[in-house]
Structure formats: structure tokens, C-alpha cells
């Protein structure tokens, strides 16, 4: 009887110890912060006047272009992400693991806007394709392309810092 009692106590102590280890091993993730790589100007196509100047983060390698703005909690109005690809082709983005509603702006090799996907829904895995070949893609907060009256034919220029 004494051995049975000791075994029960030992089992109880092990169970409590394992339970506490699991409770204390909460995974903590670090926030991904914005890194300004360049300044981008949005330019009205027919007037060559500056519409807006943005601080941009550049995605120009496989990891950055695959990850983009995923896992970000927010982005300032004057910020965006510019994706740079080696060639122009029909592109398609989706919002998997992206918490921020976005306007996705497709831009050709001549740095002119060719199409939009506006108000992309956070976490949606639906394909959001360009309507023409694009070498660059600019992501900004949802609604800003309408607020700034961006149109097909408007241009971008940027300078790395």
C-alpha cells in the first residue's frame, strides 16, 4: 500500500511539473518593423506633377518578395513596399498571412501603373492578378490609391537611401 501511495504521489508531481512547463513555454514573436530603403514619388502621368512622396521598403530578393508585408500589424500612410522583379510579366499576389488591407499597384518596366487590385482583404488567399505585364508592384494601405486619385498611366520614380 505504501508503494502504491508513493507511486501516485510521484505520478502527480511529474504531471504537475509537465503541465507547468507547457504553460510557461508560450511562444513570443517579435514585431516586424518598417525599414526605409528608398523614397518613392508617385507622379501624375499627363502632368508630370508629384502626387505623393512615400518612404518605401524594397523587396528585391526571393525571400522578401515571398514574404512582403506578411505578419505586419500596421503601416503608416506615407509608407509602402515596392517589389522589384527581374522582368515584366503578368503577376499575381495574395493576402495570406497579411493583416493589413492593401491596395496593390502593378507597374510595368517603364515604371507606369498598368493595373490595380484595390482593398485587398487581409488573410484572403484569392489570387489578385495584374491586368498587364508588371515588373514592379507597390503595396500601400487600402483606399489610398483612390484618395490620391492614382490612375493607369501614372508613374513612379524612386531613389535608394
N, C-alpha and C. Protein backbone atom coordinates (compact mmCIF):
# COMPACT_ATOMS: atom_id res chain seq x y z
N UNK A 1 0.82 -1.18 0.00
CA UNK A 1 0.00 0.00 0.00
C UNK A 1 0.87 1.25 0.00
N UNK A 2 1.94 1.19 0.77
CA UNK A 2 2.84 2.32 0.85
C UNK A 2 3.48 2.59 -0.52
N UNK A 3 3.85 1.55 -1.25
CA UNK A 3 4.45 1.70 -2.58
C UNK A 3 3.43 2.30 -3.54
N UNK A 4 2.21 1.88 -3.47
CA UNK A 4 1.15 2.42 -4.32
C UNK A 4 0.95 3.91 -4.04
N UNK A 5 0.94 4.29 -2.77
CA UNK A 5 0.79 5.70 -2.39
C UNK A 5 1.96 6.54 -2.92
N UNK A 6 3.19 6.04 -2.76
CA UNK A 6 4.36 6.76 -3.24
C UNK A 6 4.35 6.89 -4.77
N UNK A 7 3.92 5.86 -5.45
CA UNK A 7 3.83 5.89 -6.91
C UNK A 7 2.82 6.94 -7.36
N UNK A 8 1.69 6.99 -6.67
CA UNK A 8 0.67 8.00 -7.00
C UNK A 8 1.19 9.41 -6.79
N UNK A 9 1.88 9.63 -5.70
CA UNK A 9 2.46 10.96 -5.41
C UNK A 9 3.49 11.32 -6.49
N UNK A 10 4.36 10.37 -6.82
CA UNK A 10 5.37 10.61 -7.85
C UNK A 10 4.71 10.95 -9.18
N UNK A 11 3.70 10.20 -9.57
CA UNK A 11 2.98 10.45 -10.81
C UNK A 11 2.35 11.84 -10.79
N UNK A 12 1.75 12.22 -9.69
CA UNK A 12 1.12 13.53 -9.55
C UNK A 12 2.15 14.65 -9.68
N UNK A 13 3.32 14.51 -9.06
CA UNK A 13 4.37 15.51 -9.15
C UNK A 13 4.89 15.65 -10.59
N UNK A 14 5.07 14.54 -11.27
CA UNK A 14 5.53 14.58 -12.67
C UNK A 14 4.47 15.27 -13.54
N UNK A 15 3.21 14.93 -13.33
CA UNK A 15 2.12 15.52 -14.11
C UNK A 15 2.08 17.04 -13.91
N UNK A 16 2.16 17.50 -12.68
CA UNK A 16 2.12 18.93 -12.38
C UNK A 16 3.34 19.63 -12.99
N UNK A 17 4.50 18.99 -12.90
CA UNK A 17 5.73 19.56 -13.46
C UNK A 17 5.61 19.72 -14.97
N UNK A 18 5.11 18.71 -15.66
CA UNK A 18 4.95 18.78 -17.12
C UNK A 18 3.93 19.84 -17.50
N UNK A 19 2.87 19.92 -16.75
CA UNK A 19 1.83 20.90 -17.04
C UNK A 19 2.38 22.32 -16.91
N UNK A 20 3.15 22.59 -15.89
CA UNK A 20 3.73 23.92 -15.69
C UNK A 20 4.73 24.27 -16.79
N UNK A 21 5.51 23.29 -17.26
CA UNK A 21 6.45 23.54 -18.34
C UNK A 21 5.73 23.99 -19.60
N UNK A 22 4.61 23.36 -19.91
CA UNK A 22 3.85 23.73 -21.10
C UNK A 22 3.25 25.12 -20.96
N UNK A 23 2.77 25.44 -19.79
CA UNK A 23 2.15 26.75 -19.58
C UNK A 23 3.17 27.87 -19.70
N UNK A 24 4.41 27.61 -19.32
CA UNK A 24 5.43 28.64 -19.34
C UNK A 24 6.13 28.76 -20.69
N UNK A 25 5.91 27.84 -21.59
CA UNK A 25 6.62 27.88 -22.87
C UNK A 25 5.79 28.57 -23.96
N UNK A 26 5.22 29.71 -23.64
CA UNK A 26 4.47 30.49 -24.60
C UNK A 26 5.42 31.07 -25.64
N UNK A 27 5.05 30.94 -26.90
CA UNK A 27 5.89 31.45 -27.98
C UNK A 27 5.62 32.94 -28.13
N UNK A 28 6.70 33.71 -28.15
CA UNK A 28 6.59 35.14 -28.34
C UNK A 28 7.22 35.49 -29.68
N UNK A 29 6.51 36.29 -30.48
CA UNK A 29 7.05 36.70 -31.76
C UNK A 29 7.37 38.19 -31.73
N UNK A 30 8.45 38.54 -32.35
CA UNK A 30 8.86 39.94 -32.42
C UNK A 30 8.09 40.64 -33.55
N UNK A 31 7.72 41.87 -33.32
CA UNK A 31 7.04 42.65 -34.34
C UNK A 31 8.03 42.96 -35.47
N UNK A 32 7.54 42.92 -36.69
CA UNK A 32 8.38 43.25 -37.83
C UNK A 32 8.23 44.74 -38.07
N UNK A 33 9.33 45.45 -38.00
CA UNK A 33 9.26 46.90 -38.15
C UNK A 33 9.59 47.31 -39.58
N UNK A 34 9.13 48.49 -39.95
CA UNK A 34 9.37 49.06 -41.27
C UNK A 34 10.82 49.49 -41.38
N UNK A 35 11.43 49.20 -42.53
CA UNK A 35 12.80 49.62 -42.81
C UNK A 35 12.79 50.46 -44.08
N UNK A 36 13.07 51.74 -43.95
CA UNK A 36 13.07 52.62 -45.11
C UNK A 36 14.32 52.34 -45.95
N UNK A 37 14.09 51.90 -47.22
CA UNK A 37 15.19 51.65 -48.15
C UNK A 37 15.29 52.72 -49.22
N UNK A 38 14.19 53.44 -49.46
CA UNK A 38 14.17 54.41 -50.55
C UNK A 38 13.01 55.37 -50.36
N UNK A 39 13.04 56.43 -51.18
CA UNK A 39 11.93 57.37 -51.27
C UNK A 39 11.33 57.25 -52.66
N UNK A 40 10.03 57.11 -52.72
CA UNK A 40 9.34 56.92 -53.99
C UNK A 40 8.39 58.08 -54.25
N UNK A 41 8.39 58.56 -55.48
CA UNK A 41 7.46 59.62 -55.89
C UNK A 41 6.42 59.01 -56.82
N UNK A 42 5.16 59.29 -56.52
CA UNK A 42 4.06 58.96 -57.42
C UNK A 42 3.82 60.20 -58.27
N UNK A 43 3.84 60.04 -59.58
CA UNK A 43 3.78 61.18 -60.50
C UNK A 43 2.58 61.05 -61.41
N UNK A 44 1.80 62.13 -61.53
CA UNK A 44 0.63 62.17 -62.40
C UNK A 44 1.11 62.04 -63.84
N UNK A 45 0.60 61.06 -64.56
CA UNK A 45 1.07 60.72 -65.90
C UNK A 45 1.09 61.85 -66.89
N UNK A 46 -0.03 62.54 -67.08
CA UNK A 46 -0.08 63.57 -68.12
C UNK A 46 0.53 64.89 -67.70
N UNK A 47 0.62 65.17 -66.42
CA UNK A 47 1.10 66.47 -65.94
C UNK A 47 2.54 66.44 -65.43
N UNK A 48 3.06 65.26 -65.18
CA UNK A 48 4.38 65.10 -64.58
C UNK A 48 4.50 65.83 -63.24
N UNK A 49 3.39 65.96 -62.51
CA UNK A 49 3.42 66.59 -61.20
C UNK A 49 3.42 65.51 -60.12
N UNK A 50 4.09 65.80 -59.02
CA UNK A 50 4.19 64.83 -57.92
C UNK A 50 2.85 64.75 -57.19
N UNK A 51 2.33 63.54 -57.07
CA UNK A 51 1.09 63.28 -56.34
C UNK A 51 1.40 63.08 -54.86
N UNK A 52 2.41 62.26 -54.59
CA UNK A 52 2.73 61.87 -53.21
C UNK A 52 4.17 61.36 -53.16
N UNK A 53 4.81 61.57 -52.02
CA UNK A 53 6.15 61.02 -51.77
C UNK A 53 6.02 60.01 -50.63
N UNK A 54 6.53 58.82 -50.85
CA UNK A 54 6.43 57.74 -49.87
C UNK A 54 7.79 57.26 -49.43
N UNK A 55 7.88 56.82 -48.18
CA UNK A 55 9.02 56.05 -47.70
C UNK A 55 8.70 54.61 -48.07
N UNK A 56 9.64 53.93 -48.71
CA UNK A 56 9.35 52.56 -49.12
C UNK A 56 10.41 51.59 -48.62
N UNK A 57 9.93 50.39 -48.39
CA UNK A 57 10.79 49.25 -48.11
C UNK A 57 10.84 48.48 -49.43
N UNK A 58 12.00 48.00 -49.81
CA UNK A 58 12.16 47.32 -51.09
C UNK A 58 12.26 45.82 -50.88
N UNK A 59 11.48 45.08 -51.68
CA UNK A 59 11.53 43.62 -51.71
C UNK A 59 12.12 43.25 -53.06
N UNK A 60 13.38 42.81 -53.07
CA UNK A 60 14.04 42.55 -54.34
C UNK A 60 14.78 41.21 -54.40
N UNK A 61 14.54 40.35 -53.39
CA UNK A 61 15.09 39.01 -53.47
C UNK A 61 13.95 38.02 -53.20
N UNK A 62 14.23 36.74 -53.39
CA UNK A 62 13.16 35.74 -53.30
C UNK A 62 12.46 35.74 -51.94
N UNK A 63 13.24 35.79 -50.86
CA UNK A 63 12.63 35.77 -49.53
C UNK A 63 11.73 36.99 -49.32
N UNK A 64 12.24 38.17 -49.63
CA UNK A 64 11.46 39.40 -49.40
C UNK A 64 10.22 39.46 -50.29
N UNK A 65 10.35 39.01 -51.55
CA UNK A 65 9.18 39.06 -52.43
C UNK A 65 8.14 38.02 -52.03
N UNK A 66 8.55 36.91 -51.46
CA UNK A 66 7.60 35.90 -51.00
C UNK A 66 6.93 36.32 -49.68
N UNK A 67 7.64 37.02 -48.83
CA UNK A 67 7.13 37.41 -47.53
C UNK A 67 6.38 38.73 -47.57
N UNK A 68 6.91 39.72 -48.27
CA UNK A 68 6.25 41.02 -48.42
C UNK A 68 5.86 41.62 -47.09
N UNK A 69 4.60 42.01 -46.97
CA UNK A 69 4.09 42.65 -45.75
C UNK A 69 3.40 41.66 -44.80
N UNK A 70 3.65 40.38 -45.00
CA UNK A 70 3.06 39.39 -44.10
C UNK A 70 3.48 39.66 -42.66
N UNK A 71 2.59 39.35 -41.76
CA UNK A 71 2.83 39.41 -40.31
C UNK A 71 3.01 40.83 -39.77
N UNK A 72 2.74 41.83 -40.57
CA UNK A 72 2.82 43.22 -40.10
C UNK A 72 1.47 43.61 -39.50
N UNK A 73 1.52 44.37 -38.44
CA UNK A 73 0.29 44.81 -37.77
C UNK A 73 -0.27 46.09 -38.38
N UNK A 74 0.60 46.94 -38.92
CA UNK A 74 0.15 48.22 -39.47
C UNK A 74 1.24 48.81 -40.36
N UNK A 75 0.85 49.87 -41.07
CA UNK A 75 1.79 50.60 -41.90
C UNK A 75 1.30 52.04 -41.95
N UNK A 76 2.22 52.97 -41.85
CA UNK A 76 1.86 54.39 -41.88
C UNK A 76 1.36 54.79 -43.27
N UNK A 77 0.60 55.88 -43.35
CA UNK A 77 0.05 56.33 -44.63
C UNK A 77 1.14 56.70 -45.63
N UNK A 78 2.26 57.19 -45.15
CA UNK A 78 3.33 57.61 -46.06
C UNK A 78 4.34 56.50 -46.33
N UNK A 79 3.96 55.26 -46.06
CA UNK A 79 4.85 54.13 -46.26
C UNK A 79 4.26 53.14 -47.27
N UNK A 80 5.15 52.36 -47.86
CA UNK A 80 4.72 51.32 -48.78
C UNK A 80 5.84 50.32 -48.98
N UNK A 81 5.53 49.27 -49.73
CA UNK A 81 6.55 48.29 -50.09
C UNK A 81 6.58 48.18 -51.60
N UNK A 82 7.78 48.28 -52.17
CA UNK A 82 7.97 48.15 -53.61
C UNK A 82 8.66 46.81 -53.89
N UNK A 83 7.99 45.99 -54.69
CA UNK A 83 8.54 44.71 -55.12
C UNK A 83 9.21 44.93 -56.47
N UNK A 84 10.45 44.50 -56.59
CA UNK A 84 11.21 44.65 -57.83
C UNK A 84 11.53 43.26 -58.36
N UNK A 85 11.05 43.00 -59.59
CA UNK A 85 11.28 41.71 -60.22
C UNK A 85 12.24 41.88 -61.40
N UNK A 86 12.93 40.81 -61.81
CA UNK A 86 13.92 40.93 -62.88
C UNK A 86 13.32 41.15 -64.27
N UNK A 87 12.03 40.86 -64.43
CA UNK A 87 11.40 41.03 -65.74
C UNK A 87 9.93 41.40 -65.57
N UNK A 88 9.32 41.80 -66.69
CA UNK A 88 7.90 42.15 -66.69
C UNK A 88 7.09 40.94 -67.15
N UNK A 89 6.10 40.58 -66.35
CA UNK A 89 5.17 39.51 -66.71
C UNK A 89 3.89 39.71 -65.91
N UNK A 90 2.85 39.01 -66.28
CA UNK A 90 1.62 39.10 -65.50
C UNK A 90 1.94 38.56 -64.11
N UNK A 91 1.65 39.34 -63.11
CA UNK A 91 1.94 38.99 -61.71
C UNK A 91 0.64 38.71 -60.98
N UNK A 92 0.74 37.95 -59.91
CA UNK A 92 -0.41 37.68 -59.08
C UNK A 92 0.02 37.64 -57.62
N UNK A 93 -0.68 38.39 -56.79
CA UNK A 93 -0.39 38.44 -55.36
C UNK A 93 -1.60 37.88 -54.61
N UNK A 94 -1.41 37.55 -53.34
CA UNK A 94 -2.50 37.15 -52.46
C UNK A 94 -2.18 37.69 -51.08
N UNK A 95 -3.15 37.58 -50.18
CA UNK A 95 -3.03 38.23 -48.87
C UNK A 95 -2.81 37.24 -47.72
N UNK A 96 -2.35 36.04 -48.02
CA UNK A 96 -2.10 35.05 -46.98
C UNK A 96 -1.16 35.63 -45.92
N UNK A 97 -1.53 35.50 -44.67
CA UNK A 97 -0.74 35.98 -43.52
C UNK A 97 -0.50 37.48 -43.53
N UNK A 98 -1.29 38.23 -44.29
CA UNK A 98 -1.16 39.69 -44.34
C UNK A 98 -2.32 40.29 -43.56
N UNK A 99 -2.00 41.01 -42.49
CA UNK A 99 -3.01 41.54 -41.58
C UNK A 99 -3.53 42.91 -41.98
N UNK A 100 -2.87 43.57 -42.93
CA UNK A 100 -3.22 44.93 -43.33
C UNK A 100 -3.97 44.90 -44.65
N UNK A 101 -5.12 45.57 -44.73
CA UNK A 101 -5.83 45.71 -46.01
C UNK A 101 -4.97 46.59 -46.91
N UNK A 102 -4.81 46.18 -48.16
CA UNK A 102 -3.88 46.86 -49.06
C UNK A 102 -4.48 47.22 -50.41
N UNK A 103 -3.91 48.22 -51.06
CA UNK A 103 -4.07 48.46 -52.49
C UNK A 103 -2.79 47.93 -53.12
N UNK A 104 -2.94 47.09 -54.13
CA UNK A 104 -1.80 46.50 -54.82
C UNK A 104 -1.75 47.15 -56.20
N UNK A 105 -0.63 47.80 -56.50
CA UNK A 105 -0.49 48.59 -57.72
C UNK A 105 0.56 47.92 -58.60
N UNK A 106 0.14 47.50 -59.79
CA UNK A 106 1.03 46.83 -60.74
C UNK A 106 1.61 47.87 -61.70
N UNK A 107 2.93 47.78 -61.92
CA UNK A 107 3.67 48.80 -62.65
C UNK A 107 4.56 48.12 -63.69
N UNK A 108 4.56 48.63 -64.93
CA UNK A 108 5.32 47.98 -65.99
C UNK A 108 6.81 48.35 -65.95
N UNK A 109 7.57 47.85 -66.92
CA UNK A 109 9.01 48.08 -66.97
C UNK A 109 9.35 49.55 -67.18
N UNK A 110 8.41 50.33 -67.74
CA UNK A 110 8.62 51.77 -67.94
C UNK A 110 8.21 52.58 -66.71
N UNK A 111 7.89 51.89 -65.63
CA UNK A 111 7.51 52.49 -64.35
C UNK A 111 6.18 53.24 -64.42
N UNK A 112 5.28 52.75 -65.28
CA UNK A 112 3.92 53.29 -65.37
C UNK A 112 2.94 52.29 -64.77
N UNK A 113 1.95 52.81 -64.06
CA UNK A 113 0.91 51.96 -63.47
C UNK A 113 0.10 51.33 -64.60
N UNK A 114 -0.06 50.00 -64.53
CA UNK A 114 -0.85 49.28 -65.55
C UNK A 114 -2.14 48.71 -65.00
N UNK A 115 -2.23 48.47 -63.69
CA UNK A 115 -3.48 48.00 -63.11
C UNK A 115 -3.42 48.04 -61.58
N UNK A 116 -4.58 47.85 -60.98
CA UNK A 116 -4.73 47.90 -59.52
C UNK A 116 -5.51 46.68 -59.04
N UNK A 117 -5.27 46.31 -57.81
CA UNK A 117 -6.15 45.44 -57.03
C UNK A 117 -6.38 46.22 -55.74
N UNK A 118 -7.55 46.84 -55.64
CA UNK A 118 -7.83 47.74 -54.51
C UNK A 118 -8.52 47.01 -53.37
N UNK A 119 -8.25 47.49 -52.17
CA UNK A 119 -8.88 46.98 -50.95
C UNK A 119 -8.77 45.47 -50.80
N UNK A 120 -7.56 44.96 -51.00
CA UNK A 120 -7.31 43.53 -50.81
C UNK A 120 -7.59 43.16 -49.36
N UNK A 121 -8.31 42.09 -49.18
CA UNK A 121 -8.81 41.67 -47.87
C UNK A 121 -7.74 40.90 -47.09
N UNK A 122 -7.45 41.32 -45.86
CA UNK A 122 -6.46 40.61 -45.04
C UNK A 122 -6.75 39.10 -44.96
N UNK A 123 -5.70 38.31 -45.03
CA UNK A 123 -5.70 36.85 -44.90
C UNK A 123 -6.37 36.11 -46.06
N UNK A 124 -6.88 36.81 -47.07
CA UNK A 124 -7.56 36.17 -48.20
C UNK A 124 -6.52 35.55 -49.13
N UNK A 125 -6.72 34.30 -49.52
CA UNK A 125 -5.77 33.63 -50.40
C UNK A 125 -6.20 33.66 -51.87
N UNK A 126 -7.22 34.45 -52.18
CA UNK A 126 -7.66 34.60 -53.56
C UNK A 126 -6.55 35.27 -54.38
N UNK A 127 -6.33 34.77 -55.59
CA UNK A 127 -5.33 35.34 -56.48
C UNK A 127 -5.77 36.72 -56.95
N UNK A 128 -4.86 37.68 -56.89
CA UNK A 128 -5.13 39.06 -57.29
C UNK A 128 -4.16 39.44 -58.41
N UNK A 129 -4.50 39.12 -59.66
CA UNK A 129 -3.56 39.29 -60.77
C UNK A 129 -3.51 40.71 -61.34
N UNK A 130 -2.40 40.98 -62.02
CA UNK A 130 -2.29 42.22 -62.79
C UNK A 130 -3.04 42.02 -64.10
N UNK A 131 -3.45 43.12 -64.72
CA UNK A 131 -4.16 43.04 -65.99
C UNK A 131 -3.21 43.20 -67.17
N UNK A 132 -1.94 43.42 -66.89
CA UNK A 132 -0.91 43.58 -67.91
C UNK A 132 0.43 43.17 -67.29
N UNK A 133 1.44 42.93 -68.11
CA UNK A 133 2.75 42.59 -67.54
C UNK A 133 3.26 43.69 -66.61
N UNK A 134 3.83 43.27 -65.49
CA UNK A 134 4.34 44.20 -64.48
C UNK A 134 5.72 43.73 -64.03
N UNK A 135 6.63 44.68 -63.88
CA UNK A 135 7.95 44.39 -63.34
C UNK A 135 8.07 44.86 -61.89
N UNK A 136 7.19 45.78 -61.51
CA UNK A 136 7.19 46.34 -60.17
C UNK A 136 5.78 46.24 -59.59
N UNK A 137 5.73 46.10 -58.29
CA UNK A 137 4.44 46.09 -57.59
C UNK A 137 4.61 46.95 -56.34
N UNK A 138 3.68 47.89 -56.16
CA UNK A 138 3.71 48.76 -54.99
C UNK A 138 2.50 48.42 -54.13
N UNK A 139 2.76 48.15 -52.86
CA UNK A 139 1.67 47.93 -51.90
C UNK A 139 1.59 49.11 -50.95
N UNK A 140 0.36 49.65 -50.83
CA UNK A 140 0.08 50.75 -49.92
C UNK A 140 -1.18 50.41 -49.14
N UNK A 141 -1.47 51.17 -48.11
CA UNK A 141 -2.69 50.92 -47.33
C UNK A 141 -3.92 51.04 -48.22
N UNK A 142 -4.90 50.19 -47.95
CA UNK A 142 -6.14 50.16 -48.73
C UNK A 142 -6.82 51.53 -48.72
N UNK A 143 -7.31 51.93 -49.88
CA UNK A 143 -8.05 53.18 -50.03
C UNK A 143 -7.21 54.36 -50.46
N UNK A 144 -5.87 54.25 -50.31
CA UNK A 144 -5.02 55.39 -50.64
C UNK A 144 -4.93 55.65 -52.14
N UNK A 145 -4.99 54.61 -52.96
CA UNK A 145 -4.91 54.85 -54.41
C UNK A 145 -6.11 55.67 -54.88
N UNK A 146 -7.28 55.47 -54.28
CA UNK A 146 -8.45 56.30 -54.61
C UNK A 146 -8.30 57.69 -54.00
N UNK A 147 -7.86 57.77 -52.75
CA UNK A 147 -7.69 59.06 -52.08
C UNK A 147 -6.72 59.95 -52.86
N UNK A 148 -5.66 59.35 -53.41
CA UNK A 148 -4.65 60.12 -54.14
C UNK A 148 -4.98 60.22 -55.64
N UNK A 149 -6.12 59.67 -56.05
CA UNK A 149 -6.57 59.69 -57.45
C UNK A 149 -5.54 59.08 -58.41
N UNK A 150 -4.94 57.98 -58.00
CA UNK A 150 -3.99 57.28 -58.87
C UNK A 150 -4.74 56.63 -60.02
N UNK A 151 -4.11 56.65 -61.20
CA UNK A 151 -4.75 56.10 -62.39
C UNK A 151 -3.72 55.31 -63.20
N UNK A 152 -4.25 54.43 -64.06
CA UNK A 152 -3.39 53.74 -65.02
C UNK A 152 -2.70 54.83 -65.84
N UNK A 153 -1.40 54.69 -66.04
CA UNK A 153 -0.61 55.69 -66.77
C UNK A 153 0.20 56.60 -65.85
N UNK A 154 -0.19 56.71 -64.58
CA UNK A 154 0.64 57.46 -63.63
C UNK A 154 1.95 56.71 -63.47
N UNK A 155 2.97 57.40 -62.98
CA UNK A 155 4.33 56.85 -62.95
C UNK A 155 4.91 56.83 -61.54
N UNK A 156 5.99 56.10 -61.42
CA UNK A 156 6.76 56.11 -60.16
C UNK A 156 8.23 56.35 -60.49
N UNK A 157 8.92 56.97 -59.57
CA UNK A 157 10.38 57.04 -59.58
C UNK A 157 10.81 56.89 -58.12
N UNK A 158 11.96 56.31 -57.89
CA UNK A 158 12.44 56.17 -56.52
C UNK A 158 13.94 56.31 -56.50
N UNK A 159 14.41 56.63 -55.31
CA UNK A 159 15.84 56.77 -55.08
C UNK A 159 16.17 56.07 -53.79
N UNK A 160 17.12 55.13 -53.87
CA UNK A 160 17.55 54.42 -52.65
C UNK A 160 18.32 55.37 -51.75
N UNK A 161 18.20 55.11 -50.45
CA UNK A 161 18.93 55.94 -49.49
C UNK A 161 20.07 55.16 -48.87
